Amino acid sequence: MALPVLIVSAGCLASCSSKEGPSAGADGQPAPGALVSSRFGPGFAVSMPEGWGDAPLLGRMKWHVASNNGTTNPDCFVVVTEDWSFEETPIEDYIATQTEEHFVEMASTMMSDVVVVVREENFDLGGQRAVHIVYSATVDGIPQASFTTQTIRSGKLYNFGCNAMVNNFPLVYADLLRIQESFKFVD
């Protein structure tokens, strides 16, 4: 039996239906911002880009930031899940259960038109081996692209994810990965 995948799509913030995110410059390209302050959650720290801010925590999120001072998509989040099964499950076994088919099945309970674009099982999150899944889906009637990167550490599942509008995602993907690369464990 496959372990459940933990995914959370932050959904749309105040103006997520805009064609270009606020991180886009006049030419429609993402305006690179320096990573500034670190925000701490339970057992981790992450830096966010200049001009981003705290966004409302949704569901089981422990950290959530978004562009335009926390009001607009794209956004990134961390969900930490504690469950006895994560104390017993080696990361290799967890990653093996997170197939594209399983991901689509689980994600489709919360969003529609889910399509996995990339699944990489030798990714890194905070120095830990992780599974990285890039996908598109429709959330609240709005098409968006997202990624989730998941690893197990100290009996907890850590899920780092980011969302952007479908047409903006290719422009901001590298910047979103840069935010993820700042993730570190602090225990």
C-alpha atoms as a PDB file:
ATOM      1  CA  MET A   1       0.000   0.000   0.000  1.00  0.00           C
ATOM      2  CA  ALA A   2       1.365   3.401  -0.953  1.00  0.00           C
ATOM      3  CA  LEU A   3       1.814   6.039   1.697  1.00  0.00           C
ATOM      4  CA  PRO A   4      -0.385   9.079   1.152  1.00  0.00           C
ATOM      5  CA  VAL A   5       1.262  11.982  -0.589  1.00  0.00           C
ATOM      6  CA  LEU A   6       0.968  15.261   1.215  1.00  0.00           C
ATOM      7  CA  ILE A   7       0.221  18.105  -1.139  1.00  0.00           C
ATOM      8  CA  VAL A   8      -1.188  21.470  -0.447  1.00  0.00           C
ATOM      9  CA  SER A   9      -1.853  23.976  -3.144  1.00  0.00           C
ATOM     10  CA  ALA A  10      -1.937  27.401  -1.649  1.00  0.00           C
ATOM     11  CA  GLY A  11      -4.686  28.276  -4.062  1.00  0.00           C
ATOM     12  CA  CYS A  12      -5.246  31.779  -5.191  1.00  0.00           C
ATOM     13  CA  LEU A  13      -4.328  34.759  -3.133  1.00  0.00           C
ATOM     14  CA  ALA A  14      -5.971  38.144  -3.574  1.00  0.00           C
ATOM     15  CA  SER A  15      -5.000  38.795  -7.192  1.00  0.00           C
ATOM     16  CA  CYS A  16      -3.892  35.452  -8.522  1.00  0.00           C
ATOM     17  CA  SER A  17      -5.931  35.836 -11.688  1.00  0.00           C
ATOM     18  CA  SER A  18      -3.597  38.529 -13.008  1.00  0.00           C
ATOM     19  CA  LYS A  19      -1.757  37.660 -16.216  1.00  0.00           C
ATOM     20  CA  GLU A  20       1.651  38.627 -14.867  1.00  0.00           C
ATOM     21  CA  GLY A  21       2.740  38.225 -11.278  1.00  0.00           C
ATOM     22  CA  PRO A  22       4.156  41.241  -9.519  1.00  0.00           C
ATOM     23  CA  SER A  23       7.598  39.741  -9.826  1.00  0.00           C
ATOM     24  CA  ALA A  24       7.430  40.291 -13.587  1.00  0.00           C
ATOM     25  CA  GLY A  25       9.211  43.294 -15.006  1.00  0.00           C
ATOM     26  CA  ALA A  26       8.059  45.566 -17.823  1.00  0.00           C
ATOM     27  CA  ASP A  27       9.214  43.020 -20.407  1.00  0.00           C
ATOM     28  CA  GLY A  28       7.196  40.245 -18.740  1.00  0.00           C
ATOM     29  CA  GLN A  29      10.360  38.569 -17.427  1.00  0.00           C
ATOM     30  CA  PRO A  30      10.600  37.908 -13.697  1.00  0.00           C
ATOM     31  CA  ALA A  31      12.414  40.653 -11.876  1.00  0.00           C
ATOM     32  CA  PRO A  32      15.133  38.869  -9.923  1.00  0.00           C
ATOM     33  CA  GLY A  33      15.148  39.842  -6.305  1.00  0.00           C
ATOM     34  CA  ALA A  34      17.797  39.197  -3.737  1.00  0.00           C
ATOM     35  CA  LEU A  35      16.834  36.693  -1.090  1.00  0.00           C
ATOM     36  CA  VAL A  36      16.475  38.683   2.082  1.00  0.00           C
ATOM     37  CA  SER A  37      15.233  37.809   5.523  1.00  0.00           C
ATOM     38  CA  SER A  38      15.021  34.256   6.752  1.00  0.00           C
ATOM     39  CA  ARG A  39      11.780  33.065   8.239  1.00  0.00           C
ATOM     40  CA  PHE A  40      11.801  30.244  10.731  1.00  0.00           C
ATOM     41  CA  GLY A  41       9.311  27.460  11.130  1.00  0.00           C
ATOM     42  CA  PRO A  42       9.408  24.367  13.329  1.00  0.00           C
ATOM     43  CA  GLY A  43      12.825  22.869  12.568  1.00  0.00           C
ATOM     44  CA  PHE A  44      13.592  24.875   9.418  1.00  0.00           C
ATOM     45  CA  ALA A  45      14.463  28.289   7.998  1.00  0.00           C
ATOM     46  CA  VAL A  46      13.833  29.705   4.517  1.00  0.00           C
ATOM     47  CA  SER A  47      14.758  33.031   2.920  1.00  0.00           C
ATOM     48  CA  MET A  48      12.325  34.951   0.751  1.00  0.00           C
ATOM     49  CA  PRO A  49      12.861  37.386  -2.100  1.00  0.00           C
ATOM     50  CA  GLU A  50      12.831  41.119  -1.619  1.00  0.00           C
ATOM     51  CA  GLY A  51       9.287  42.448  -2.033  1.00  0.00           C
ATOM     52  CA  TRP A  52       7.655  39.229  -0.844  1.00  0.00           C
ATOM     53  CA  GLY A  53       5.862  38.967   2.485  1.00  0.00           C
ATOM     54  CA  ASP A  54       4.061  36.643   4.821  1.00  0.00           C
ATOM     55  CA  ALA A  55       0.847  35.204   3.424  1.00  0.00           C
ATOM     56  CA  PRO A  56      -1.986  33.595   5.394  1.00  0.00           C
ATOM     57  CA  LEU A  57      -1.293  30.085   6.643  1.00  0.00           C
ATOM     58  CA  LEU A  58      -3.735  27.694   4.994  1.00  0.00           C
ATOM     59  CA  GLY A  59      -4.464  24.204   6.273  1.00  0.00           C
ATOM     60  CA  ARG A  60      -1.363  22.641   7.805  1.00  0.00           C
ATOM     61  CA  MET A  61       1.119  25.214   6.496  1.00  0.00           C
ATOM     62  CA  LYS A  62       3.924  26.249   8.835  1.00  0.00           C
ATOM     63  CA  TRP A  63       5.372  28.936   6.512  1.00  0.00           C
ATOM     64  CA  HIS A  64       3.794  30.773   3.576  1.00  0.00           C
ATOM     65  CA  VAL A  65       5.104  33.744   1.603  1.00  0.00           C
ATOM     66  CA  ALA A  66       3.934  35.395  -1.584  1.00  0.00           C
ATOM     67  CA  SER A  67       4.967  38.121  -3.961  1.00  0.00           C
ATOM     68  CA  ASN A  68       3.724  41.700  -3.677  1.00  0.00           C
ATOM     69  CA  ASN A  69       4.223  41.734   0.098  1.00  0.00           C
ATOM     70  CA  GLY A  70       2.258  38.523   0.586  1.00  0.00           C
ATOM     71  CA  THR A  71      -0.817  39.286  -1.502  1.00  0.00           C
ATOM     72  CA  THR A  72      -0.229  37.822  -4.973  1.00  0.00           C
ATOM     73  CA  ASN A  73       0.697  34.603  -6.720  1.00  0.00           C
ATOM     74  CA  PRO A  74       3.450  33.248  -7.084  1.00  0.00           C
ATOM     75  CA  ASP A  75       3.770  31.932  -3.582  1.00  0.00           C
ATOM     76  CA  CYS A  76       5.771  29.316  -1.670  1.00  0.00           C
ATOM     77  CA  PHE A  77       4.914  27.334   1.430  1.00  0.00           C
ATOM     78  CA  VAL A  78       6.129  24.626   3.812  1.00  0.00           C
ATOM     79  CA  VAL A  79       3.898  21.980   5.341  1.00  0.00           C
ATOM     80  CA  VAL A  80       5.284  19.795   8.132  1.00  0.00           C
ATOM     81  CA  THR A  81       3.359  16.639   8.939  1.00  0.00           C
ATOM     82  CA  GLU A  82       3.995  14.525  11.998  1.00  0.00           C
ATOM     83  CA  ASP A  83       2.740  10.958  11.872  1.00  0.00           C
ATOM     84  CA  TRP A  84       4.050   7.732  13.350  1.00  0.00           C
ATOM     85  CA  SER A  85       4.441   6.304   9.831  1.00  0.00           C
ATOM     86  CA  PHE A  86       7.146   8.855   8.992  1.00  0.00           C
ATOM     87  CA  GLU A  87       9.193   7.625  11.950  1.00  0.00           C
ATOM     88  CA  GLU A  88       9.103   4.123  10.492  1.00  0.00           C
ATOM     89  CA  THR A  89       9.483   4.914   6.786  1.00  0.00           C
ATOM     90  CA  PRO A  90      12.906   5.348   5.187  1.00  0.00           C
ATOM     91  CA  ILE A  91      12.989   8.190   2.633  1.00  0.00           C
ATOM     92  CA  GLU A  92      13.834   5.704  -0.148  1.00  0.00           C
ATOM     93  CA  ASP A  93      10.619   3.782   0.544  1.00  0.00           C
ATOM     94  CA  TYR A  94       8.539   6.963   0.702  1.00  0.00           C
ATOM     95  CA  ILE A  95       9.942   8.238  -2.603  1.00  0.00           C
ATOM     96  CA  ALA A  96       9.267   4.872  -4.270  1.00  0.00           C
ATOM     97  CA  THR A  97       5.567   5.129  -3.346  1.00  0.00           C
ATOM     98  CA  GLN A  98       5.182   8.623  -4.794  1.00  0.00           C
ATOM     99  CA  THR A  99       4.628   7.639  -8.408  1.00  0.00           C
ATOM    100  CA  GLU A 100       3.129   9.982 -10.992  1.00  0.00           C
ATOM    101  CA  GLU A 101      -0.087   7.950 -10.971  1.00  0.00           C
ATOM    102  CA  HIS A 102      -0.361   8.060  -7.182  1.00  0.00           C
ATOM    103  CA  PHE A 103       0.304  11.802  -7.154  1.00  0.00           C
ATOM    104  CA  VAL A 104      -2.387  12.480  -9.776  1.00  0.00           C
ATOM    105  CA  GLU A 105      -4.879  10.307  -7.875  1.00  0.00           C
ATOM    106  CA  MET A 106      -4.251  12.109  -4.565  1.00  0.00           C
ATOM    107  CA  ALA A 107      -4.038  15.624  -6.040  1.00  0.00           C
ATOM    108  CA  SER A 108      -7.249  15.114  -8.008  1.00  0.00           C
ATOM    109  CA  THR A 109      -9.180  14.969  -4.742  1.00  0.00           C
ATOM    110  CA  MET A 110      -8.395  18.687  -4.232  1.00  0.00           C
ATOM    111  CA  MET A 111      -7.987  20.075  -7.760  1.00  0.00           C
ATOM    112  CA  SER A 112      -8.859  19.182 -11.340  1.00  0.00           C
ATOM    113  CA  ASP A 113      -6.957  18.598 -14.578  1.00  0.00           C
ATOM    114  CA  VAL A 114      -3.836  17.435 -12.718  1.00  0.00           C
ATOM    115  CA  VAL A 115      -0.912  16.651 -15.042  1.00  0.00           C
ATOM    116  CA  VAL A 116       2.556  15.692 -13.791  1.00  0.00           C
ATOM    117  CA  VAL A 117       5.222  17.302 -15.953  1.00  0.00           C
ATOM    118  CA  VAL A 118       8.378  16.192 -14.096  1.00  0.00           C
ATOM    119  CA  ARG A 119       9.072  13.695 -11.328  1.00  0.00           C
ATOM    120  CA  GLU A 120      12.623  13.654  -9.979  1.00  0.00           C
ATOM    121  CA  GLU A 121      13.450  11.284  -7.142  1.00  0.00           C
ATOM    122  CA  ASN A 122      17.030  12.398  -6.470  1.00  0.00           C
ATOM    123  CA  PHE A 123      16.310  15.993  -5.547  1.00  0.00           C
ATOM    124  CA  ASP A 124      17.644  17.824  -2.497  1.00  0.00           C
ATOM    125  CA  LEU A 125      15.718  19.621   0.220  1.00  0.00           C
ATOM    126  CA  GLY A 126      17.854  21.017   3.030  1.00  0.00           C
ATOM    127  CA  GLY A 127      20.579  18.447   2.410  1.00  0.00           C
ATOM    128  CA  GLN A 128      18.141  15.538   2.468  1.00  0.00           C
ATOM    129  CA  ARG A 129      17.179  13.331  -0.477  1.00  0.00           C
ATOM    130  CA  ALA A 130      13.704  14.330  -1.678  1.00  0.00           C
ATOM    131  CA  VAL A 131      11.141  13.697  -4.399  1.00  0.00           C
ATOM    132  CA  HIS A 132      10.360  16.736  -6.600  1.00  0.00           C
ATOM    133  CA  ILE A 133       7.157  16.842  -8.660  1.00  0.00           C
ATOM    134  CA  VAL A 134       6.268  19.626 -11.094  1.00  0.00           C
ATOM    135  CA  TYR A 135       2.624  19.641 -12.166  1.00  0.00           C
ATOM    136  CA  SER A 136      -0.200  21.719 -13.532  1.00  0.00           C
ATOM    137  CA  ALA A 137      -3.758  21.764 -12.234  1.00  0.00           C
ATOM    138  CA  THR A 138      -6.876  23.867 -12.020  1.00  0.00           C
ATOM    139  CA  VAL A 139      -7.509  25.344  -8.565  1.00  0.00           C
ATOM    140  CA  ASP A 140     -10.675  27.302  -7.877  1.00  0.00           C
ATOM    141  CA  GLY A 141     -11.287  27.452 -11.650  1.00  0.00           C
ATOM    142  CA  ILE A 142      -7.864  28.986 -12.350  1.00  0.00           C
ATOM    143  CA  PRO A 143      -5.070  27.057 -14.125  1.00  0.00           C
ATOM    144  CA  GLN A 144      -1.787  27.138 -12.282  1.00  0.00           C
ATOM    145  CA  ALA A 145       1.528  25.321 -12.273  1.00  0.00           C
ATOM    146  CA  SER A 146       3.178  24.139  -9.095  1.00  0.00           C
ATOM    147  CA  PHE A 147       5.898  22.025  -7.636  1.00  0.00           C
ATOM    148  CA  THR A 148       6.198  20.061  -4.454  1.00  0.00           C
ATOM    149  CA  THR A 149       9.428  18.732  -2.952  1.00  0.00           C
ATOM    150  CA  GLN A 150       9.091  16.255  -0.108  1.00  0.00           C
ATOM    151  CA  THR A 151      11.485  14.604   2.314  1.00  0.00           C
ATOM    152  CA  ILE A 152      11.347  12.864   5.680  1.00  0.00           C
ATOM    153  CA  ARG A 153      13.486  14.000   8.602  1.00  0.00           C
ATOM    154  CA  SER A 154      13.231  13.179  12.310  1.00  0.00           C
ATOM    155  CA  GLY A 155       9.902  11.399  11.861  1.00  0.00           C
ATOM    156  CA  LYS A 156       8.271  14.286   9.984  1.00  0.00           C
ATOM    157  CA  LEU A 157       7.331  14.817   6.359  1.00  0.00           C
ATOM    158  CA  TYR A 158       8.538  18.185   5.059  1.00  0.00           C
ATOM    159  CA  ASN A 159       6.778  19.458   1.941  1.00  0.00           C
ATOM    160  CA  PHE A 160       8.153  22.574   0.241  1.00  0.00           C
ATOM    161  CA  GLY A 161       5.909  23.845  -2.552  1.00  0.00           C
ATOM    162  CA  CYS A 162       5.441  26.829  -4.839  1.00  0.00           C
ATOM    163  CA  ASN A 163       2.593  27.922  -7.133  1.00  0.00           C
ATOM    164  CA  ALA A 164       2.405  30.353 -10.049  1.00  0.00           C
ATOM    165  CA  MET A 165       0.011  31.140 -12.849  1.00  0.00           C
ATOM    166  CA  VAL A 166       0.488  28.693 -15.729  1.00  0.00           C
ATOM    167  CA  ASN A 167       1.648  31.372 -18.187  1.00  0.00           C
ATOM    168  CA  ASN A 168       4.102  32.860 -15.651  1.00  0.00           C
ATOM    169  CA  PHE A 169       5.503  29.605 -14.203  1.00  0.00           C
ATOM    170  CA  PRO A 170       8.284  29.080 -16.792  1.00  0.00           C
ATOM    171  CA  LEU A 171       9.437  32.652 -16.146  1.00  0.00           C
ATOM    172  CA  VAL A 172       9.622  32.286 -12.363  1.00  0.00           C
ATOM    173  CA  TYR A 173      10.539  28.597 -11.955  1.00  0.00           C
ATOM    174  CA  ALA A 174      14.285  29.263 -11.489  1.00  0.00           C
ATOM    175  CA  ASP A 175      13.522  31.973  -8.903  1.00  0.00           C
ATOM    176  CA  LEU A 176      11.161  29.634  -7.044  1.00  0.00           C
ATOM    177  CA  LEU A 177      13.852  26.948  -6.994  1.00  0.00           C
ATOM    178  CA  ARG A 178      16.281  29.530  -5.586  1.00  0.00           C
ATOM    179  CA  ILE A 179      13.874  30.112  -2.693  1.00  0.00           C
ATOM    180  CA  GLN A 180      13.661  26.356  -2.152  1.00  0.00           C
ATOM    181  CA  GLU A 181      17.467  26.082  -2.195  1.00  0.00           C
ATOM    182  CA  SER A 182      17.584  28.478   0.783  1.00  0.00           C
ATOM    183  CA  PHE A 183      15.583  25.948   2.861  1.00  0.00           C
ATOM    184  CA  LYS A 184      17.660  24.504   5.683  1.00  0.00           C
ATOM    185  CA  PHE A 185      16.995  22.382   8.721  1.00  0.00           C
ATOM    186  CA  VAL A 186      17.822  24.101  12.005  1.00  0.00           C
ATOM    187  CA  ASP A 187      17.478  21.323  14.553  1.00  0.00           C
END
